[in-house]
PDB file of N, CA and C in Angstrom:
ATOM      1  N   MET A   1     -19.279  20.924  13.042  1.00  0.00           N
ATOM      2  CA  MET A   1     -18.245  19.691  13.037  1.00  0.00           C
ATOM      3  C   MET A   1     -17.991  19.138  14.481  1.00  0.00           C
ATOM      4  N   ASN A   2     -17.850  17.772  14.464  1.00  0.00           N
ATOM      5  CA  ASN A   2     -17.510  17.303  15.852  1.00  0.00           C
ATOM      6  C   ASN A   2     -16.122  17.268  16.112  1.00  0.00           C
ATOM      7  N   ASN A   3     -15.614  16.838  17.313  1.00  0.00           N
ATOM      8  CA  ASN A   3     -14.195  16.933  17.643  1.00  0.00           C
ATOM      9  C   ASN A   3     -13.442  15.835  16.814  1.00  0.00           C
ATOM     10  N   GLU A   4     -14.150  14.681  16.360  1.00  0.00           N
ATOM     11  CA  GLU A   4     -13.434  13.746  15.741  1.00  0.00           C
ATOM     12  C   GLU A   4     -13.076  14.213  14.265  1.00  0.00           C
ATOM     13  N   VAL A   5     -13.976  15.028  13.679  1.00  0.00           N
ATOM     14  CA  VAL A   5     -13.582  15.617  12.345  1.00  0.00           C
ATOM     15  C   VAL A   5     -12.217  16.486  12.603  1.00  0.00           C
ATOM     16  N   PHE A   6     -12.258  17.373  13.590  1.00  0.00           N
ATOM     17  CA  PHE A   6     -11.066  18.243  13.890  1.00  0.00           C
ATOM     18  C   PHE A   6      -9.938  17.364  13.942  1.00  0.00           C
ATOM     19  N   ALA A   7     -10.161  16.350  14.825  1.00  0.00           N
ATOM     20  CA  ALA A   7      -8.862  15.610  15.116  1.00  0.00           C
ATOM     21  C   ALA A   7      -8.452  14.911  13.709  1.00  0.00           C
ATOM     22  N   ALA A   8      -9.185  14.429  12.887  1.00  0.00           N
ATOM     23  CA  ALA A   8      -8.893  13.869  11.719  1.00  0.00           C
ATOM     24  C   ALA A   8      -8.108  14.851  10.915  1.00  0.00           C
ATOM     25  N   ILE A   9      -8.497  16.017  10.877  1.00  0.00           N
ATOM     26  CA  ILE A   9      -8.055  17.123  10.105  1.00  0.00           C
ATOM     27  C   ILE A   9      -6.511  17.502  10.537  1.00  0.00           C
ATOM     28  N   ALA A  10      -6.466  17.513  11.918  1.00  0.00           N
ATOM     29  CA  ALA A  10      -5.181  17.805  12.509  1.00  0.00           C
ATOM     30  C   ALA A  10      -4.128  16.775  12.405  1.00  0.00           C
ATOM     31  N   MET A  11      -4.561  15.484  12.463  1.00  0.00           N
ATOM     32  CA  MET A  11      -3.696  14.204  12.086  1.00  0.00           C
ATOM     33  C   MET A  11      -3.179  14.587  10.764  1.00  0.00           C
ATOM     34  N   ALA A  12      -3.973  14.669   9.781  1.00  0.00           N
ATOM     35  CA  ALA A  12      -3.692  14.748   8.459  1.00  0.00           C
ATOM     36  C   ALA A  12      -2.722  16.054   8.054  1.00  0.00           C
ATOM     37  N   LEU A  13      -2.958  16.956   8.711  1.00  0.00           N
ATOM     38  CA  LEU A  13      -1.968  18.135   8.537  1.00  0.00           C
ATOM     39  C   LEU A  13      -0.648  17.931   9.163  1.00  0.00           C
ATOM     40  N   HIS A  14      -0.642  17.110  10.338  1.00  0.00           N
ATOM     41  CA  HIS A  14       0.414  16.611  11.097  1.00  0.00           C
ATOM     42  C   HIS A  14       1.162  15.649  10.114  1.00  0.00           C
ATOM     43  N   ASP A  15       0.813  14.762   9.432  1.00  0.00           N
ATOM     44  CA  ASP A  15       1.518  13.801   8.597  1.00  0.00           C
ATOM     45  C   ASP A  15       1.895  14.689   7.368  1.00  0.00           C
ATOM     46  N   ASP A  16       1.110  15.532   6.888  1.00  0.00           N
ATOM     47  CA  ASP A  16       1.561  16.124   5.844  1.00  0.00           C
ATOM     48  C   ASP A  16       2.715  17.003   5.858  1.00  0.00           C
ATOM     49  N   GLN A  17       2.862  17.586   7.190  1.00  0.00           N
ATOM     50  CA  GLN A  17       4.094  18.397   7.499  1.00  0.00           C
ATOM     51  C   GLN A  17       5.363  17.531   7.632  1.00  0.00           C
ATOM     52  N   GLY A  18       5.256  16.301   7.684  1.00  0.00           N
ATOM     53  CA  GLY A  18       6.320  15.218   7.642  1.00  0.00           C
ATOM     54  C   GLY A  18       6.781  14.837   9.122  1.00  0.00           C
ATOM     55  N   TYR A  19       5.891  15.085  10.014  1.00  0.00           N
ATOM     56  CA  TYR A  19       6.104  14.825  11.379  1.00  0.00           C
ATOM     57  C   TYR A  19       5.864  13.292  11.780  1.00  0.00           C
ATOM     58  N   ASN A  20       5.486  12.668  10.964  1.00  0.00           N
ATOM     59  CA  ASN A  20       4.875  11.031  11.199  1.00  0.00           C
ATOM     60  C   ASN A  20       5.829  10.399  10.139  1.00  0.00           C
ATOM     61  N   MET A  21       6.978  10.772  10.125  1.00  0.00           N
ATOM     62  CA  MET A  21       7.825   9.884   9.041  1.00  0.00           C
ATOM     63  C   MET A  21       8.621   8.704   9.770  1.00  0.00           C
ATOM     64  N   HIS A  22       8.202   7.504   9.450  1.00  0.00           N
ATOM     65  CA  HIS A  22       8.945   6.366  10.141  1.00  0.00           C
ATOM     66  C   HIS A  22      10.269   6.048   9.729  1.00  0.00           C
ATOM     67  N   ASP A  23      10.449   5.929   8.336  1.00  0.00           N
ATOM     68  CA  ASP A  23      11.589   5.302   7.612  1.00  0.00           C
ATOM     69  C   ASP A  23      11.987   6.675   6.584  1.00  0.00           C
ATOM     70  N   GLY A  24      13.264   6.728   6.292  1.00  0.00           N
ATOM     71  CA  GLY A  24      13.469   7.433   5.082  1.00  0.00           C
ATOM     72  C   GLY A  24      13.307   6.646   3.863  1.00  0.00           C
ATOM     73  N   GLU A  25      12.526   7.104   3.004  1.00  0.00           N
ATOM     74  CA  GLU A  25      12.333   6.177   1.867  1.00  0.00           C
ATOM     75  C   GLU A  25      12.916   6.967   0.400  1.00  0.00           C
ATOM     76  N   SER A  26      13.524   6.103  -0.322  1.00  0.00           N
ATOM     77  CA  SER A  26      13.892   6.823  -1.663  1.00  0.00           C
ATOM     78  C   SER A  26      13.067   7.219  -2.580  1.00  0.00           C
ATOM     79  N   GLY A  27      11.911   6.796  -2.503  1.00  0.00           N
ATOM     80  CA  GLY A  27      10.817   7.317  -3.483  1.00  0.00           C
ATOM     81  C   GLY A  27      10.944   6.396  -4.912  1.00  0.00           C
ATOM     82  N   ARG A  28      11.733   5.305  -4.817  1.00  0.00           N
ATOM     83  CA  ARG A  28      12.006   4.439  -6.274  1.00  0.00           C
ATOM     84  C   ARG A  28      11.224   3.148  -5.914  1.00  0.00           C
ATOM     85  N   LEU A  29      10.279   2.735  -6.739  1.00  0.00           N
ATOM     86  CA  LEU A  29       9.694   1.540  -6.624  1.00  0.00           C
ATOM     87  C   LEU A  29      10.480   0.355  -7.507  1.00  0.00           C
ATOM     88  N   THR A  30      10.763  -0.757  -6.943  1.00  0.00           N
ATOM     89  CA  THR A  30      11.283  -1.673  -7.561  1.00  0.00           C
ATOM     90  C   THR A  30      10.479  -2.928  -7.601  1.00  0.00           C
ATOM     91  N   ILE A  31      10.130  -3.290  -8.809  1.00  0.00           N
ATOM     92  CA  ILE A  31       8.973  -4.386  -9.113  1.00  0.00           C
ATOM     93  C   ILE A  31       9.632  -5.671  -9.699  1.00  0.00           C
ATOM     94  N   THR A  32       9.738  -6.595  -9.015  1.00  0.00           N
ATOM     95  CA  THR A  32      10.472  -7.863  -9.421  1.00  0.00           C
ATOM     96  C   THR A  32       9.388  -9.131  -9.435  1.00  0.00           C
ATOM     97  N   GLN A  33       9.513  -9.925 -10.408  1.00  0.00           N
ATOM     98  CA  GLN A  33       8.531 -10.931 -10.689  1.00  0.00           C
ATOM     99  C   GLN A  33       9.155 -12.225  -9.918  1.00  0.00           C
ATOM    100  N   LYS A  34       8.274 -12.706  -8.822  1.00  0.00           N
ATOM    101  CA  LYS A  34       8.523 -13.876  -8.175  1.00  0.00           C
ATOM    102  C   LYS A  34       7.671 -15.251  -8.678  1.00  0.00           C
ATOM    103  N   ASP A  35       8.187 -16.099  -8.823  1.00  0.00           N
ATOM    104  CA  ASP A  35       7.567 -17.425  -9.150  1.00  0.00           C
ATOM    105  C   ASP A  35       6.968 -17.700  -7.819  1.00  0.00           C
ATOM    106  N   THR A  36       5.762 -18.143  -7.598  1.00  0.00           N
ATOM    107  CA  THR A  36       4.849 -18.471  -6.625  1.00  0.00           C
ATOM    108  C   THR A  36       3.785 -19.374  -7.188  1.00  0.00           C
ATOM    109  N   GLU A  37       3.190 -20.327  -6.069  1.00  0.00           N
ATOM    110  CA  GLU A  37       2.294 -21.300  -6.668  1.00  0.00           C
ATOM    111  C   GLU A  37       1.117 -20.580  -7.148  1.00  0.00           C
ATOM    112  N   TRP A  38       0.720 -19.364  -6.757  1.00  0.00           N
ATOM    113  CA  TRP A  38      -0.377 -18.528  -7.295  1.00  0.00           C
ATOM    114  C   TRP A  38      -0.146 -18.351  -8.763  1.00  0.00           C
ATOM    115  N   ALA A  39       1.206 -18.166  -9.164  1.00  0.00           N
ATOM    116  CA  ALA A  39       1.289 -18.001 -10.686  1.00  0.00           C
ATOM    117  C   ALA A  39       1.447 -19.099 -11.558  1.00  0.00           C
ATOM    118  N   SER A  40       1.419 -20.340 -10.829  1.00  0.00           N
ATOM    119  CA  SER A  40       1.862 -21.626 -11.500  1.00  0.00           C
ATOM    120  C   SER A  40       0.811 -21.801 -12.692  1.00  0.00           C
ATOM    121  N   LYS A  41       1.483 -22.207 -13.697  1.00  0.00           N
ATOM    122  CA  LYS A  41       0.571 -22.344 -15.025  1.00  0.00           C
ATOM    123  C   LYS A  41      -0.539 -23.755 -14.478  1.00  0.00           C
ATOM    124  N   GLN A  42       0.194 -24.646 -13.768  1.00  0.00           N
ATOM    125  CA  GLN A  42      -0.559 -25.945 -13.675  1.00  0.00           C
ATOM    126  C   GLN A  42      -1.712 -25.593 -12.539  1.00  0.00           C
ATOM    127  N   ALA A  43      -1.740 -24.533 -11.802  1.00  0.00           N
ATOM    128  CA  ALA A  43      -2.893 -24.242 -10.846  1.00  0.00           C
ATOM    129  C   ALA A  43      -3.743 -23.385 -11.560  1.00  0.00           C
ATOM    130  N   LYS A  44      -3.489 -22.712 -12.705  1.00  0.00           N
ATOM    131  CA  LYS A  44      -4.432 -21.818 -13.438  1.00  0.00           C
ATOM    132  C   LYS A  44      -5.635 -22.653 -13.852  1.00  0.00           C
ATOM    133  N   MET A  45      -6.865 -22.085 -13.593  1.00  0.00           N
ATOM    134  CA  MET A  45      -8.176 -22.812 -13.960  1.00  0.00           C
ATOM    135  C   MET A  45      -8.395 -22.429 -15.501  1.00  0.00           C
ATOM    136  N   THR A  46      -8.620 -23.445 -16.473  1.00  0.00           N
ATOM    137  CA  THR A  46      -8.844 -23.376 -17.842  1.00  0.00           C
ATOM    138  C   THR A  46     -10.257 -23.819 -18.291  1.00  0.00           C
ATOM    139  N   LYS A  47     -10.689 -23.523 -19.247  1.00  0.00           N
ATOM    140  CA  LYS A  47     -11.871 -23.895 -19.598  1.00  0.00           C
ATOM    141  C   LYS A  47     -11.963 -25.167 -20.425  1.00  0.00           C
ATOM    142  N   VAL A  48     -12.846 -26.192 -19.921  1.00  0.00           N
ATOM    143  CA  VAL A  48     -12.428 -27.510 -20.548  1.00  0.00           C
ATOM    144  C   VAL A  48     -13.650 -27.483 -21.755  1.00  0.00           C
ATOM    145  N   GLN A  49     -12.993 -28.185 -22.859  1.00  0.00           N
ATOM    146  CA  GLN A  49     -13.709 -28.291 -24.182  1.00  0.00           C
ATOM    147  C   GLN A  49     -14.193 -29.629 -24.385  1.00  0.00           C
TER     148      GLN A  49
END
């Protein structure tokens, strides 16, 4: 193995130990629906019959 593989393994172990924590996260996902132009019914392509 080359040094890049060893470095990647070392960084993964370092992160797994929790040393690379930026923010304290609650672990809870909140999903809310937002109305955007992408979800607009008028913008959706429909089959013309």
